[in-house]
Protein backbone atom coordinates (compact mmCIF):
# COMPACT_ATOMS: atom_id res chain seq x y z
CA UNK A 1 -17.93 9.44 31.99
CA UNK A 2 -19.60 8.28 28.78
CA UNK A 3 -20.99 4.74 29.01
CA UNK A 4 -20.94 2.77 25.75
CA UNK A 5 -23.86 0.36 25.65
CA UNK A 6 -25.26 -2.39 23.32
CA UNK A 7 -27.53 -2.17 20.30
CA UNK A 8 -30.44 -4.54 20.67
CA UNK A 9 -33.69 -4.60 18.79
CA UNK A 10 -32.81 -1.26 17.11
CA UNK A 11 -32.13 0.69 20.28
CA UNK A 12 -29.17 1.49 22.57
CA UNK A 13 -29.24 -0.72 25.70
CA UNK A 14 -26.95 0.01 28.62
CA UNK A 15 -27.77 -3.05 30.70
CA UNK A 16 -24.70 -4.26 32.64
CA UNK A 17 -23.38 -5.75 35.81
CA UNK A 18 -19.80 -4.85 35.02
CA UNK A 19 -17.98 -2.22 32.92
CA UNK A 20 -14.45 -1.90 31.40
CA UNK A 21 -12.35 1.19 30.77
CA UNK A 22 -11.90 2.45 27.23
CA UNK A 23 -8.69 4.39 26.69
CA UNK A 24 -7.38 6.92 24.23
CA UNK A 25 -4.06 5.19 23.60
CA UNK A 26 -2.49 8.34 22.07
CA UNK A 27 -2.84 10.00 25.49
CA UNK A 28 -2.71 6.92 27.71
CA UNK A 29 -5.84 7.97 29.62
CA UNK A 30 -9.33 6.49 30.12
CA UNK A 31 -11.93 8.42 28.21
CA UNK A 32 -14.99 6.19 28.31
CA UNK A 33 -16.32 2.96 29.83
CA UNK A 34 -18.12 0.17 28.07
CA UNK A 35 -20.97 -1.98 29.47
CA UNK A 36 -20.09 -5.69 29.55
CA UNK A 37 -23.04 -7.84 28.59
CA UNK A 38 -24.18 -10.50 30.91
CA UNK A 39 -25.47 -13.87 29.72
CA UNK A 40 -29.05 -12.51 29.96
CA UNK A 41 -28.22 -9.47 27.83
CA UNK A 42 -26.67 -11.65 25.16
CA UNK A 43 -29.67 -13.94 25.26
CA UNK A 44 -31.90 -10.90 24.80
CA UNK A 45 -29.95 -10.01 21.67
CA UNK A 46 -30.19 -13.57 20.31
CA UNK A 47 -33.94 -13.59 20.99
CA UNK A 48 -34.35 -10.35 19.04
CA UNK A 49 -32.43 -11.84 16.09
CA UNK A 50 -34.43 -15.05 16.28
CA UNK A 51 -37.77 -13.08 16.23
CA UNK A 52 -36.65 -10.98 13.23
CA UNK A 53 -35.46 -13.93 11.18
CA UNK A 54 -38.71 -15.23 9.62
CA UNK A 55 -39.77 -11.91 8.08
CA UNK A 56 -36.21 -10.93 7.05
CA UNK A 57 -35.41 -14.26 5.35
CA UNK A 58 -38.64 -13.84 3.27
CA UNK A 59 -37.80 -10.28 2.30
CA UNK A 60 -36.94 -10.27 -1.42
CA UNK A 61 -33.21 -10.29 -1.91
CA UNK A 62 -33.38 -7.15 -4.07
CA UNK A 63 -34.87 -5.25 -1.12
CA UNK A 64 -32.20 -6.59 1.21
CA UNK A 65 -29.58 -5.38 -1.35
CA UNK A 66 -31.17 -1.94 -1.48
CA UNK A 67 -30.55 -1.61 2.29
CA UNK A 68 -26.89 -2.34 1.59
CA UNK A 69 -26.75 0.29 -1.18
CA UNK A 70 -28.13 2.89 1.27
CA UNK A 71 -25.75 1.64 4.03
CA UNK A 72 -22.76 2.15 1.70
CA UNK A 73 -23.89 5.72 1.07
CA UNK A 74 -24.26 6.43 4.80
CA UNK A 75 -20.84 4.96 5.54
CA UNK A 76 -19.27 7.25 2.93
CA UNK A 77 -21.20 10.31 4.16
CA UNK A 78 -20.09 9.67 7.76
CA UNK A 79 -16.52 8.71 7.01
CA UNK A 80 -14.96 11.59 9.00
CA UNK A 81 -16.93 10.69 12.15
CA UNK A 82 -16.13 6.98 11.83
CA UNK A 83 -12.39 7.60 11.36
CA UNK A 84 -12.40 9.96 14.39
CA UNK A 85 -13.91 7.21 16.58
CA UNK A 86 -11.34 4.71 15.32
CA UNK A 87 -8.54 7.16 16.08
CA UNK A 88 -9.81 8.07 19.54
CA UNK A 89 -10.07 4.46 20.77
CA UNK A 90 -7.60 2.48 18.57
CA UNK A 91 -4.96 5.24 17.91
CA UNK A 92 -4.84 4.57 14.17
CA UNK A 93 -3.80 7.65 12.16
CA UNK A 94 -6.55 9.28 10.16
CA UNK A 95 -5.24 8.16 6.74
CA UNK A 96 -5.00 4.60 7.95
CA UNK A 97 -8.43 4.62 9.44
CA UNK A 98 -9.76 5.91 6.13
CA UNK A 99 -8.12 2.98 4.38
CA UNK A 100 -9.67 0.59 6.81
CA UNK A 101 -13.09 2.07 6.25
CA UNK A 102 -12.73 1.95 2.50
CA UNK A 103 -11.80 -1.73 2.61
CA UNK A 104 -14.96 -2.31 4.67
CA UNK A 105 -17.09 -0.33 2.25
CA UNK A 106 -15.82 -2.55 -0.60
CA UNK A 107 -17.29 -5.57 1.19
CA UNK A 108 -20.66 -3.78 1.45
CA UNK A 109 -20.41 -3.12 -2.32
CA UNK A 110 -19.92 -6.85 -2.90
CA UNK A 111 -22.88 -7.64 -0.68
CA UNK A 112 -24.99 -5.38 -2.96
CA UNK A 113 -24.64 -7.95 -5.65
CA UNK A 114 -26.54 -10.59 -3.68
CA UNK A 115 -29.37 -10.88 -6.25
CA UNK A 116 -26.68 -12.24 -8.60
CA UNK A 117 -24.67 -14.58 -6.34
CA UNK A 118 -27.80 -15.98 -4.63
CA UNK A 119 -29.57 -16.94 -7.89
CA UNK A 120 -28.89 -20.62 -7.42
CA UNK A 121 -28.63 -23.30 -10.12
CA UNK A 122 -31.29 -24.87 -12.40
CA UNK A 123 -31.28 -27.80 -14.75
CA UNK A 124 -34.43 -28.69 -16.76
CA UNK A 125 -35.16 -32.30 -17.85
CA UNK A 126 -32.55 -34.05 -15.83
CA UNK A 127 -34.85 -37.01 -16.39
CA UNK A 128 -38.16 -37.46 -18.18
CA UNK A 129 -40.11 -34.30 -17.26
CA UNK A 130 -37.90 -33.94 -14.15
CA UNK A 131 -36.31 -30.64 -13.16
CA UNK A 132 -33.67 -30.03 -10.53
CA UNK A 133 -32.36 -26.85 -8.88
CA UNK A 134 -30.24 -25.70 -5.98
CA UNK A 135 -31.08 -22.83 -3.73
CA UNK A 136 -28.86 -21.03 -1.17
CA UNK A 137 -30.96 -20.52 1.94
CA UNK A 138 -30.01 -18.55 5.09
CA UNK A 139 -28.94 -20.33 8.26
CA UNK A 140 -30.85 -18.26 10.83
CA UNK A 141 -29.22 -16.44 13.74
CA UNK A 142 -25.46 -16.12 13.17
CA UNK A 143 -22.77 -14.39 15.27
CA UNK A 144 -19.56 -12.55 14.80
CA UNK A 145 -16.69 -11.93 17.25
CA UNK A 146 -14.25 -9.31 16.02
CA UNK A 147 -10.83 -7.90 17.13
CA UNK A 148 -9.63 -4.53 18.22
CA UNK A 149 -7.25 -3.89 15.39
CA UNK A 150 -9.93 -3.31 12.73
CA UNK A 151 -13.04 -2.23 14.58
CA UNK A 152 -14.87 -1.24 11.38
CA UNK A 153 -13.41 -3.29 8.58
CA UNK A 154 -13.62 -6.81 10.11
CA UNK A 155 -17.26 -6.43 11.25
CA UNK A 156 -17.95 -5.30 7.63
CA UNK A 157 -16.37 -8.58 6.47
CA UNK A 158 -19.15 -10.34 8.34
CA UNK A 159 -22.58 -8.86 8.92
CA UNK A 160 -23.31 -7.20 5.50
CA UNK A 161 -22.81 -10.60 3.77
CA UNK A 162 -24.67 -12.57 6.43
CA UNK A 163 -27.55 -10.13 6.46
CA UNK A 164 -27.97 -9.75 2.71
CA UNK A 165 -28.12 -13.58 2.55
CA UNK A 166 -31.17 -13.45 4.76
CA UNK A 167 -29.71 -14.18 8.18
CA UNK A 168 -29.97 -12.15 11.34
CA UNK A 169 -26.83 -11.27 13.24
CA UNK A 170 -25.39 -10.82 16.74
CA UNK A 171 -22.06 -9.05 16.79
CA UNK A 172 -19.60 -9.07 19.71
CA UNK A 173 -16.97 -6.45 18.89
CA UNK A 174 -13.76 -5.80 20.86
CA UNK A 175 -14.48 -4.14 24.16
CA UNK A 176 -11.22 -2.10 23.75
CA UNK A 177 -12.53 0.19 20.98
CA UNK A 178 -16.32 -0.36 20.56
CA UNK A 179 -17.61 3.04 19.61
CA UNK A 180 -17.07 2.97 15.83
CA UNK A 181 -18.64 -0.54 15.58
CA UNK A 182 -21.69 0.61 17.48
CA UNK A 183 -21.99 3.71 15.33
CA UNK A 184 -21.97 1.78 12.01
CA UNK A 185 -24.64 -0.54 13.40
CA UNK A 186 -26.86 2.51 13.95
CA UNK A 187 -26.16 3.62 10.40
CA UNK A 188 -27.49 0.31 9.10
CA UNK A 189 -30.78 0.93 11.01
CA UNK A 190 -30.90 4.31 9.31
CA UNK A 191 -30.37 2.63 5.98
CA UNK A 192 -33.67 0.76 6.59
CA UNK A 193 -32.70 -2.48 8.27
CA UNK A 194 -35.57 -3.75 10.40
CA UNK A 195 -35.05 -3.87 14.20
CA UNK A 196 -33.54 -7.09 15.44
CA UNK A 197 -31.82 -8.07 12.26
CA UNK A 198 -28.50 -6.74 13.55
CA UNK A 199 -27.69 -6.62 17.28
CA UNK A 200 -24.44 -5.63 18.95
CA UNK A 201 -23.36 -6.74 22.43
CA UNK A 202 -20.17 -5.49 24.13
CA UNK A 203 -18.62 -7.94 26.45
CA UNK A 204 -15.86 -10.35 27.36
CA UNK A 205 -15.65 -14.13 27.71
CA UNK A 206 -19.10 -14.39 29.32
CA UNK A 207 -20.60 -12.90 26.21
CA UNK A 208 -18.55 -15.02 23.91
CA UNK A 209 -19.31 -18.31 25.63
CA UNK A 210 -23.07 -17.45 25.57
CA UNK A 211 -22.91 -17.14 21.78
CA UNK A 212 -20.91 -20.32 21.46
CA UNK A 213 -23.29 -22.47 23.57
CA UNK A 214 -26.74 -20.99 22.71
CA UNK A 215 -28.52 -23.46 20.37
CA UNK A 216 -30.26 -20.65 18.53
CA UNK A 217 -26.96 -19.46 17.06
CA UNK A 218 -26.28 -21.44 13.91
CA UNK A 219 -22.83 -20.22 12.95
CA UNK A 220 -19.92 -18.19 14.34
CA UNK A 221 -17.33 -16.07 12.57
CA UNK A 222 -14.24 -15.01 14.49
CA UNK A 223 -11.00 -13.06 13.92
CA UNK A 224 -8.34 -12.84 16.54
CA UNK A 225 -5.39 -14.68 18.04
CA UNK A 226 -4.72 -18.35 17.29
CA UNK A 227 -5.28 -19.75 20.85
CA UNK A 228 -8.67 -18.01 21.03
CA UNK A 229 -9.51 -18.97 17.42
CA UNK A 230 -8.85 -22.62 18.29
CA UNK A 231 -11.03 -22.39 21.38
CA UNK A 232 -13.85 -20.70 19.38
CA UNK A 233 -13.68 -23.34 16.66
CA UNK A 234 -13.58 -26.37 18.97
CA UNK A 235 -16.34 -25.02 21.21
CA UNK A 236 -18.65 -23.94 18.38
CA UNK A 237 -18.30 -27.07 16.34
CA UNK A 238 -18.74 -29.25 19.39
CA UNK A 239 -22.07 -27.43 19.87
CA UNK A 240 -23.07 -28.35 16.39
CA UNK A 241 -22.40 -24.87 14.82
CA UNK A 242 -20.75 -23.90 11.63
CA UNK A 243 -17.60 -21.96 12.39
CA UNK A 244 -14.79 -20.03 10.64
CA UNK A 245 -12.11 -18.79 13.02
CA UNK A 246 -9.17 -16.75 11.68
CA UNK A 247 -6.18 -16.75 13.89
CA UNK A 248 -2.65 -15.33 14.13
CA UNK A 249 0.14 -14.84 11.75
CA UNK A 250 3.89 -14.60 11.19
CA UNK A 251 4.16 -13.20 7.69
CA UNK A 252 7.47 -13.50 5.91
CA UNK A 253 8.90 -11.56 2.98
CA UNK A 254 11.65 -13.28 1.00
CA UNK A 255 14.08 -10.75 -0.38
CA UNK A 256 16.03 -12.19 -3.28
CA UNK A 257 19.50 -10.89 -4.44
CA UNK A 258 17.99 -9.44 -7.67
CA UNK A 259 15.17 -7.55 -5.86
CA UNK A 260 14.62 -3.82 -6.52
CA UNK A 261 15.95 -2.76 -3.12
CA UNK A 262 14.51 0.78 -3.04
CA UNK A 263 11.01 -0.63 -3.58
CA UNK A 264 11.66 -3.44 -1.12
CA UNK A 265 12.58 -0.98 1.58
CA UNK A 266 9.50 1.28 0.93
CA UNK A 267 7.23 -1.78 0.94
CA UNK A 268 8.72 -3.18 4.11
CA UNK A 269 8.37 0.17 5.97
CA UNK A 270 4.66 0.34 5.30
CA UNK A 271 3.93 -3.31 5.72
CA UNK A 272 5.83 -3.75 8.98
CA UNK A 273 5.06 -0.50 10.79
CA UNK A 274 1.73 0.65 9.36
CA UNK A 275 -1.01 0.55 11.96
CA UNK A 276 1.83 0.02 14.48
CA UNK A 277 2.12 -3.60 13.19
CA UNK A 278 -1.21 -4.43 14.72
CA UNK A 279 -2.66 -6.32 11.74
CA UNK A 280 -2.65 -9.96 10.90
CA UNK A 281 -1.19 -9.25 7.45
CA UNK A 282 1.74 -7.18 8.79
CA UNK A 283 5.15 -8.27 7.44
CA UNK A 284 7.10 -9.07 10.52
CA UNK A 285 9.98 -11.07 9.11
CA UNK A 286 12.26 -10.29 6.18
CA UNK A 287 14.16 -13.31 4.96
CA UNK A 288 17.20 -12.11 3.09
CA UNK A 289 18.74 -14.51 0.65
CA UNK A 290 22.43 -13.82 1.02
CA UNK A 291 24.44 -11.54 3.28
CA UNK A 292 25.04 -8.90 0.59
CA UNK A 293 21.36 -8.12 0.10
CA UNK A 294 20.79 -8.37 3.83
CA UNK A 295 23.48 -5.79 4.63
CA UNK A 296 22.27 -3.40 1.90
CA UNK A 297 18.61 -3.79 3.00
CA UNK A 298 19.37 -3.16 6.72
CA UNK A 299 21.51 -0.06 5.89
CA UNK A 300 18.72 1.47 3.79
CA UNK A 301 16.02 0.51 6.31
CA UNK A 302 17.90 2.03 9.22
CA UNK A 303 18.06 5.39 7.48
CA UNK A 304 14.44 5.31 6.43
CA UNK A 305 13.16 4.21 9.84
CA UNK A 306 14.81 7.34 11.40
CA UNK A 307 12.56 9.43 9.24
CA UNK A 308 9.31 7.80 10.30
CA UNK A 309 6.90 9.87 12.34
CA UNK A 310 4.59 8.48 15.00
CA UNK A 311 2.19 10.12 17.34
CA UNK A 312 -1.52 10.94 17.77
CA UNK A 313 -4.20 9.93 15.23
CA UNK A 314 -5.18 13.54 14.59
CA UNK A 315 -1.91 14.45 12.97
CA UNK A 316 -2.14 13.24 9.34
CA UNK A 317 1.65 13.66 8.94
CA UNK A 318 2.25 10.75 11.33
CA UNK A 319 2.97 7.40 9.79
CA UNK A 320 1.59 5.32 12.69
CA UNK A 321 0.28 5.71 16.19
CA UNK A 322 0.44 3.92 19.56
CA UNK A 323 -0.43 0.30 20.35
CA UNK A 324 -3.76 -0.44 21.86
CA UNK A 325 -2.99 -0.67 25.60
CA UNK A 326 -0.30 -0.33 28.20
CA UNK A 327 -0.29 -4.08 28.61
CA UNK A 328 0.25 -4.63 24.90
CA UNK A 329 3.06 -2.06 24.90
CA UNK A 330 4.78 -4.08 27.63
CA UNK A 331 4.27 -7.29 25.70
CA UNK A 332 5.81 -5.92 22.52
CA UNK A 333 8.80 -4.54 24.49
CA UNK A 334 9.20 -7.95 26.19
CA UNK A 335 9.55 -9.59 22.73
CA UNK A 336 12.24 -7.07 21.75
CA UNK A 337 14.05 -7.76 25.04
CA UNK A 338 13.91 -11.49 24.55
CA UNK A 339 15.33 -11.34 21.00
CA UNK A 340 18.27 -9.28 22.34
CA UNK A 341 18.78 -11.63 25.23
CA UNK A 342 18.78 -14.63 22.89
CA UNK A 343 21.49 -13.21 20.66
CA UNK A 344 19.81 -11.02 18.05
CA UNK A 345 21.03 -7.45 17.26
CA UNK A 346 18.60 -4.58 17.81
CA UNK A 347 19.60 -2.21 14.94
CA UNK A 348 16.87 0.41 15.48
CA UNK A 349 15.37 0.48 19.01
CA UNK A 350 11.78 1.72 19.59
CA UNK A 351 11.50 0.70 23.24
CA UNK A 352 11.86 4.19 24.58
CA UNK A 353 9.40 5.93 22.27
CA UNK A 354 7.77 9.08 23.80
CA UNK A 355 6.46 11.67 21.37
CA UNK A 356 6.64 15.21 22.72
CA UNK A 357 3.39 16.09 24.49
CA UNK A 358 2.20 12.42 24.41
CA UNK A 359 4.71 10.91 26.74
CA UNK A 360 2.02 8.89 28.51
CA UNK A 361 0.68 7.31 25.32
CA UNK A 362 1.16 3.62 24.59
CA UNK A 363 3.94 4.09 22.02
CA UNK A 364 6.51 1.65 20.66
CA UNK A 365 8.72 3.15 18.00
CA UNK A 366 9.65 1.29 14.76
CA UNK A 367 12.13 -1.46 15.69
CA UNK A 368 14.54 -3.35 13.35
CA UNK A 369 16.20 -6.51 14.61
CA UNK A 370 18.97 -8.46 12.70
CA UNK A 371 20.49 -11.93 13.20
CA UNK A 372 17.26 -13.50 14.27
CA UNK A 373 17.07 -17.27 14.28
CA UNK A 374 14.09 -19.64 14.10
CA UNK A 375 14.58 -20.85 17.67
CA UNK A 376 14.03 -17.40 19.19
CA UNK A 377 10.79 -16.62 21.05
CA UNK A 378 10.29 -13.45 19.09
CA UNK A 379 10.32 -15.42 15.84
CA UNK A 380 8.10 -18.26 16.92
CA UNK A 381 5.28 -16.03 18.33
CA UNK A 382 3.22 -13.24 16.90
CA UNK A 383 4.49 -9.89 18.23
CA UNK A 384 1.67 -7.71 16.83
CA UNK A 385 3.66 -4.54 17.13
CA UNK A 386 5.92 -2.26 14.99
CA UNK A 387 8.84 -4.76 14.93
CA UNK A 388 10.62 -6.06 11.79
CA UNK A 389 12.95 -8.99 12.23
CA UNK A 390 15.57 -10.08 9.70
CA UNK A 391 16.66 -13.69 9.12
CA UNK A 392 19.53 -14.41 6.79
CA UNK A 393 19.56 -17.56 4.64
CA UNK A 394 21.71 -18.78 1.75
CA UNK A 395 19.13 -20.02 -0.76
CA UNK A 396 15.51 -19.41 -1.78
CA UNK A 397 14.68 -22.95 -0.90
CA UNK A 398 16.02 -22.49 2.58
CA UNK A 399 13.83 -19.42 2.88
CA UNK A 400 10.77 -21.35 1.71
CA UNK A 401 11.50 -24.20 4.06
CA UNK A 402 11.65 -21.69 6.96
CA UNK A 403 8.19 -20.33 6.01
CA UNK A 404 6.66 -23.74 5.48
CA UNK A 405 7.88 -24.99 8.86
CA UNK A 406 6.25 -22.17 10.80
CA UNK A 407 2.94 -22.97 12.50
CA UNK A 408 1.26 -19.91 10.86
CA UNK A 409 0.38 -19.68 7.20
CA UNK A 410 -1.52 -16.46 6.78
CA UNK A 411 0.35 -14.25 4.23
CA UNK A 412 3.77 -14.10 2.60
CA UNK A 413 5.52 -12.41 -0.34
CA UNK A 414 8.65 -12.54 -2.43
CA UNK A 415 10.61 -9.64 -3.84
CA UNK A 416 12.35 -10.59 -7.16
CA UNK A 417 12.69 -9.74 -10.81
CA UNK A 418 12.86 -13.45 -11.68
CA UNK A 419 9.55 -14.70 -13.07
CA UNK A 420 10.54 -18.34 -12.74
CA UNK A 421 11.43 -17.95 -9.03
CA UNK A 422 8.17 -16.06 -8.42
CA UNK A 423 6.07 -18.71 -10.08
CA UNK A 424 7.80 -21.54 -8.22
CA UNK A 425 7.29 -19.66 -4.98
CA UNK A 426 3.57 -18.98 -5.53
CA UNK A 427 2.94 -22.59 -6.65
CA UNK A 428 4.74 -24.29 -3.75
CA UNK A 429 4.66 -22.11 -0.67
CA UNK A 430 2.38 -23.51 2.06
CA UNK A 431 0.63 -20.17 2.85
CA UNK A 432 -2.91 -19.00 2.07
CA UNK A 433 -2.27 -15.51 0.65
CA UNK A 434 0.78 -14.79 -1.50
CA UNK A 435 2.20 -11.58 -2.90
CA UNK A 436 4.72 -11.12 -5.74
CA UNK A 437 6.42 -7.84 -5.17
CA UNK A 438 3.31 -6.93 -3.13
CA UNK A 439 3.84 -6.79 0.66
CA UNK A 440 0.24 -6.99 1.85
CA UNK A 441 -1.55 -9.50 -0.42
CA UNK A 442 -4.97 -8.83 1.07
CA UNK A 443 -7.61 -10.08 -1.39
CA UNK A 444 -10.12 -7.62 -2.79
CA UNK A 445 -13.75 -7.94 -1.66
CA UNK A 446 -14.82 -10.20 -4.55
CA UNK A 447 -12.14 -12.77 -3.66
CA UNK A 448 -11.93 -14.34 -0.17
CA UNK A 449 -9.48 -13.85 2.77
CA UNK A 450 -7.89 -16.63 4.77
CA UNK A 451 -4.70 -18.35 5.70
CA UNK A 452 -3.48 -21.96 6.06
CA UNK A 453 -2.25 -24.03 8.93
CA UNK A 454 -2.92 -22.52 12.39
CA UNK A 455 -4.01 -19.23 10.85
CA UNK A 456 -7.41 -20.55 9.99
CA UNK A 457 -9.76 -23.04 11.63
CA UNK A 458 -12.59 -24.01 9.33
CA UNK A 459 -13.11 -24.86 5.71
CA UNK A 460 -14.28 -21.55 4.25
CA UNK A 461 -12.41 -18.23 4.07
CA UNK A 462 -13.84 -14.81 5.01
CA UNK A 463 -15.93 -12.53 2.80
CA UNK A 464 -16.20 -12.75 -0.98
CA UNK A 465 -17.61 -15.92 -2.57
CA UNK A 466 -16.58 -18.11 0.49
CA UNK A 467 -18.48 -15.62 2.74
CA UNK A 468 -21.71 -16.17 0.75
CA UNK A 469 -21.31 -19.95 1.02
CA UNK A 470 -20.58 -19.76 4.76
CA UNK A 471 -23.69 -17.90 5.54
CA UNK A 472 -26.04 -20.06 3.43
CA UNK A 473 -27.01 -23.70 3.11
CA UNK A 474 -27.41 -25.33 -0.19
CA UNK A 475 -30.77 -27.06 -0.76
CA UNK A 476 -31.34 -29.16 -3.91
CA UNK A 477 -34.82 -29.77 -5.10
CA UNK A 478 -35.86 -32.30 -7.74
CA UNK A 479 -39.46 -32.27 -9.01
CA UNK A 480 -41.71 -34.02 -11.44
CA UNK A 481 -45.35 -33.57 -12.29
CA UNK A 482 -46.63 -36.94 -13.67
CA UNK A 483 -49.33 -37.02 -16.34
CA UNK A 484 -52.86 -37.18 -15.13
CA UNK A 485 -54.57 -40.59 -15.09
CA UNK A 486 -51.46 -42.40 -16.04
CA UNK A 487 -50.33 -44.96 -13.46
CA UNK A 488 -46.67 -45.98 -13.53
CA UNK A 489 -45.14 -49.12 -12.19
CA UNK A 490 -43.16 -49.12 -8.94
CA UNK A 491 -39.34 -48.90 -9.16
CA UNK A 492 -37.31 -50.78 -6.63
CA UNK A 493 -33.84 -50.05 -7.99
CA UNK A 494 -31.84 -46.85 -7.78
CA UNK A 495 -33.22 -44.33 -10.33
CA UNK A 496 -30.83 -43.65 -13.21
CA UNK A 497 -30.95 -42.17 -16.66
CA UNK A 498 -30.34 -45.52 -18.31
């Protein structure tokens, strides 16, 4: 059986004391195994990154950007292979995997503009013959810990920006679907990246804790569940590291009585069930303002859900695939069970999903639940599966209060034709990413991604301008060259321009 190793100092490394099974979730069978890095293996990767840092940080930024230009080309040329690897280990349908890859490539494109965003600031004659400027210098060795649901896109949020800013990087991807991540790391070497600048270690908590505690690691980026994000943030910052940790979500869509219902239904189908709901920007709660719009929406959704197709990644006609593991399938079904037991109505039930020929796969069908209330477990917690819940309220303010009171504040949207309502919503809702008639308000690569409340731990969002600031330190330099042979008197008060 194929053993997936690590990528250290520009070469595949299969060192391990333990392994973990890697499954094809469409089939429900193990197809590979992945080496789990020991503390010593992670330290080897950190040492390689530390050794590569001095030369890489002094490489002219235009040369670093040229590596990213070539990397972008290689990603595009190998798109079919990358999407196949995503599909085999994640289960994501080919068209969805292609969308994930394209979003990642857009972040590489933004990293290519590093000569512009790293220029710094300069002011001449801030005082008599005194000049002052700011530089944005790299941190050193930085690390990224990424989730299973976007094995290509989320790493591409991190290491291209960190590397083009002059840092070296140690990446710990998800051990559930590691092959595509490992492959794109090898493409970056092919693009001309020096050995040791990017290293990939596959592992579990032992690998994570090594990165969090090693003093050579200056910063940590993380995307995953909120309990782990909080642990990562607290542990990393206690060790003196810079940290951004993106956590979970419970994304609500307010459906106003004046909404274009046909477009609402189309949007909700894709946003709730795309990628089997395994994305932190999935719309998992529709908040209907009034029973009339709720009844109409549910009736239309029920008919459309019956037409959705799910199955293996290789069939491009499928709308979504399986969830990642048998354990996660059981967890999603448990949430549906709990909603029903606590008084909700399961309108469309996906608990017995079994596509013909793929009965052993980890499938949960699209599920629609009505009469959900805020005290239900399925509402409070992140399901991370193809489940859309409906809550009914009487007013827009009641809907906003519901969203504001939830512990997560990642993404939200409103469907309405009323510009005043939309403007009030976007100005006042306590959520980090907001859509107006847009179900997945994921910022483009030249903005930044991040939520509020317990969806983000740290001060800077991911990628875009915040990404450049996270992976650099500002240094301000003030200089003066006094005239030769002219002695000036000592100054004992604070220098000013007066």
